[in-house]
Amino acid sequence: MGLFEAGCGDRSVATLLGVSRTAVRRLRDRWKLRSAGALVSKPGKRSFTFEFKLEVVRRFVAGEATAIELAREHDLSSPKLVENWAALYRREGEDALRPKRKGRPAKPVDTSGFSELDRLRQENLELSAKVAFLEKLRALKEQGRE
């Protein structure tokens, strides 16, 4: 951080430290945003609403404010966050900013290839499992353990 304060640019700092210029540029942006606290405390992971992201991105894309200004105004961890949201918005539209469900999507059971007998057997298994569950639940209630 002392190098930035001394007026060194990202290229000279990258050469002095032996790291990529991109890494130094991101660090400089965090330093501009948080000053000396850029390396001391790492901000926690926050989640943002679709509406919040959309408003920030619209202001950024319209040129009303830079990524650093928006990050500072909304207390974001990095201006890179704003740039990533804007890239998603430009590439995929508004829906790219909506929250995504975590995990692998459930695989639907394709019953079209089953015979009537196979389908009924599958349904019988599902109903047997439900009955067993309800019987266990009733037994627990009777014991007062719910």
Protein backbone atom coordinates (compact mmCIF):
# COMPACT_ATOMS: atom_id res chain seq x y z
CA MET A 1 0.00 0.00 0.00
CA GLY A 2 2.95 2.26 0.63
CA LEU A 3 3.88 1.94 -3.03
CA PHE A 4 0.48 3.26 -4.10
CA GLU A 5 0.71 6.08 -1.57
CA ALA A 6 4.15 6.94 -2.96
CA GLY A 7 2.56 7.36 -6.38
CA CYS A 8 3.71 4.13 -8.06
CA GLY A 9 1.53 2.79 -10.82
CA ASP A 10 0.17 -0.72 -11.11
CA ARG A 11 2.79 -1.76 -13.67
CA SER A 12 5.77 -0.79 -11.51
CA VAL A 13 4.20 -2.34 -8.39
CA ALA A 14 3.54 -5.59 -10.29
CA THR A 15 7.16 -5.67 -11.48
CA LEU A 16 8.53 -4.94 -8.00
CA LEU A 17 6.38 -7.61 -6.36
CA GLY A 18 6.66 -10.15 -9.16
CA VAL A 19 2.91 -10.60 -9.55
CA SER A 20 0.44 -10.02 -12.37
CA ARG A 21 -0.65 -6.54 -13.24
CA THR A 22 -4.31 -7.61 -12.97
CA ALA A 23 -3.83 -8.70 -9.36
CA VAL A 24 -2.17 -5.39 -8.53
CA ARG A 25 -4.95 -3.45 -10.28
CA ARG A 26 -7.63 -5.24 -8.24
CA LEU A 27 -5.69 -4.63 -5.05
CA ARG A 28 -5.31 -0.94 -5.97
CA ASP A 29 -9.05 -0.67 -6.56
CA ARG A 30 -9.74 -2.20 -3.13
CA TRP A 31 -7.18 0.20 -1.66
CA LYS A 32 -8.94 3.17 -3.28
CA LEU A 33 -12.20 1.90 -1.85
CA ARG A 34 -11.05 0.98 1.67
CA SER A 35 -7.66 2.77 1.97
CA ALA A 36 -5.32 1.11 4.49
CA GLY A 37 -8.01 -1.35 5.59
CA ALA A 38 -8.01 -3.08 2.20
CA LEU A 39 -5.75 -5.87 3.41
CA VAL A 40 -6.59 -5.91 7.09
CA SER A 41 -10.19 -7.10 7.12
CA LYS A 42 -11.84 -9.24 4.52
CA PRO A 43 -15.51 -8.38 4.18
CA GLY A 44 -17.97 -11.22 4.82
CA LYS A 45 -20.03 -12.82 2.11
CA ARG A 46 -23.23 -10.91 1.58
CA SER A 47 -26.16 -11.61 -0.67
CA PHE A 48 -27.93 -8.93 -2.66
CA THR A 49 -31.46 -8.70 -3.97
CA PHE A 50 -32.23 -8.71 -7.65
CA GLU A 51 -33.58 -5.16 -7.41
CA PHE A 52 -30.42 -3.88 -5.71
CA LYS A 53 -28.12 -5.44 -8.32
CA LEU A 54 -30.26 -4.16 -11.17
CA GLU A 55 -30.23 -0.58 -9.83
CA VAL A 56 -26.44 -0.62 -9.35
CA VAL A 57 -25.86 -2.08 -12.82
CA ARG A 58 -28.21 0.37 -14.52
CA ARG A 59 -26.38 3.30 -12.95
CA PHE A 60 -23.01 1.83 -13.97
CA VAL A 61 -24.06 1.07 -17.55
CA ALA A 62 -25.66 4.52 -17.92
CA GLY A 63 -22.37 6.10 -16.86
CA GLU A 64 -23.84 7.82 -13.81
CA ALA A 65 -21.03 6.49 -11.61
CA THR A 66 -17.88 4.39 -11.83
CA ALA A 67 -17.56 0.94 -10.30
CA ILE A 68 -15.42 2.33 -7.50
CA GLU A 69 -17.92 5.08 -6.70
CA LEU A 70 -20.81 2.60 -6.62
CA ALA A 71 -18.84 0.15 -4.48
CA ARG A 72 -18.01 2.91 -2.01
CA GLU A 73 -21.58 4.26 -1.98
CA HIS A 74 -23.14 0.84 -1.31
CA ASP A 75 -20.33 -0.50 0.89
CA LEU A 76 -19.51 -3.35 -1.50
CA SER A 77 -16.39 -5.44 -1.03
CA SER A 78 -14.87 -4.59 -4.41
CA PRO A 79 -15.58 -2.62 -7.58
CA LYS A 80 -15.02 -5.91 -9.42
CA LEU A 81 -18.39 -7.05 -8.08
CA VAL A 82 -20.12 -4.22 -9.94
CA GLU A 83 -18.15 -5.01 -13.10
CA ASN A 84 -19.09 -8.71 -12.90
CA TRP A 85 -22.78 -7.88 -12.48
CA ALA A 86 -22.58 -5.50 -15.45
CA ALA A 87 -20.91 -8.15 -17.62
CA LEU A 88 -23.64 -10.67 -16.75
CA TYR A 89 -26.31 -8.06 -17.47
CA ARG A 90 -24.82 -7.22 -20.87
CA ARG A 91 -24.34 -10.87 -21.82
CA GLU A 92 -27.60 -12.42 -20.56
CA GLY A 93 -29.94 -9.58 -19.63
CA GLU A 94 -31.78 -8.83 -16.39
CA ASP A 95 -32.51 -12.46 -15.53
CA ALA A 96 -28.78 -13.13 -15.08
CA LEU A 97 -28.91 -10.99 -11.93
CA ARG A 98 -31.67 -13.05 -10.32
CA PRO A 99 -30.65 -15.43 -7.51
CA LYS A 100 -29.93 -18.98 -8.67
CA ARG A 101 -30.99 -22.13 -6.86
CA LYS A 102 -28.05 -24.01 -5.41
CA GLY A 103 -27.26 -27.60 -6.23
CA ARG A 104 -28.04 -29.84 -9.12
CA PRO A 105 -31.57 -29.67 -10.48
CA ALA A 106 -33.76 -32.67 -9.73
CA LYS A 107 -33.89 -35.20 -12.52
CA PRO A 108 -37.48 -35.83 -13.54
CA VAL A 109 -38.58 -39.44 -13.67
CA ASP A 110 -39.51 -40.36 -17.22
CA THR A 111 -42.50 -42.69 -16.95
CA SER A 112 -43.37 -42.64 -20.63
CA GLY A 113 -41.30 -45.79 -21.34
CA PHE A 114 -42.86 -47.80 -18.48
CA SER A 115 -45.65 -50.27 -19.00
CA GLU A 116 -48.86 -49.88 -17.05
CA LEU A 117 -47.74 -52.63 -14.66
CA ASP A 118 -44.35 -50.94 -14.03
CA ARG A 119 -46.03 -47.60 -13.40
CA LEU A 120 -48.43 -49.16 -10.90
CA ARG A 121 -45.56 -50.96 -9.14
CA GLN A 122 -43.70 -47.66 -8.79
CA GLU A 123 -46.81 -45.95 -7.43
CA ASN A 124 -47.30 -48.83 -4.98
CA LEU A 125 -43.73 -48.43 -3.69
CA GLU A 126 -44.22 -44.68 -3.17
CA LEU A 127 -47.50 -45.21 -1.31
CA SER A 128 -45.97 -47.95 0.86
CA ALA A 129 -43.17 -45.58 1.85
CA LYS A 130 -45.69 -42.87 2.76
CA VAL A 131 -47.72 -45.31 4.88
CA ALA A 132 -44.58 -46.47 6.71
CA PHE A 133 -43.61 -42.87 7.41
CA LEU A 134 -47.06 -42.01 8.77
CA GLU A 135 -47.10 -45.14 10.97
CA LYS A 136 -43.72 -44.21 12.42
CA LEU A 137 -44.91 -40.64 13.03
CA ARG A 138 -48.03 -41.91 14.82
CA ALA A 139 -45.93 -44.23 17.00
CA LEU A 140 -43.65 -41.34 17.98
CA LYS A 141 -46.66 -39.17 18.86
CA GLU A 142 -48.04 -41.93 21.05
CA GLN A 143 -44.72 -42.06 22.89
CA GLY A 144 -44.86 -38.28 23.29
CA ARG A 145 -41.64 -37.71 21.32
CA GLU A 146 -42.97 -35.99 18.19
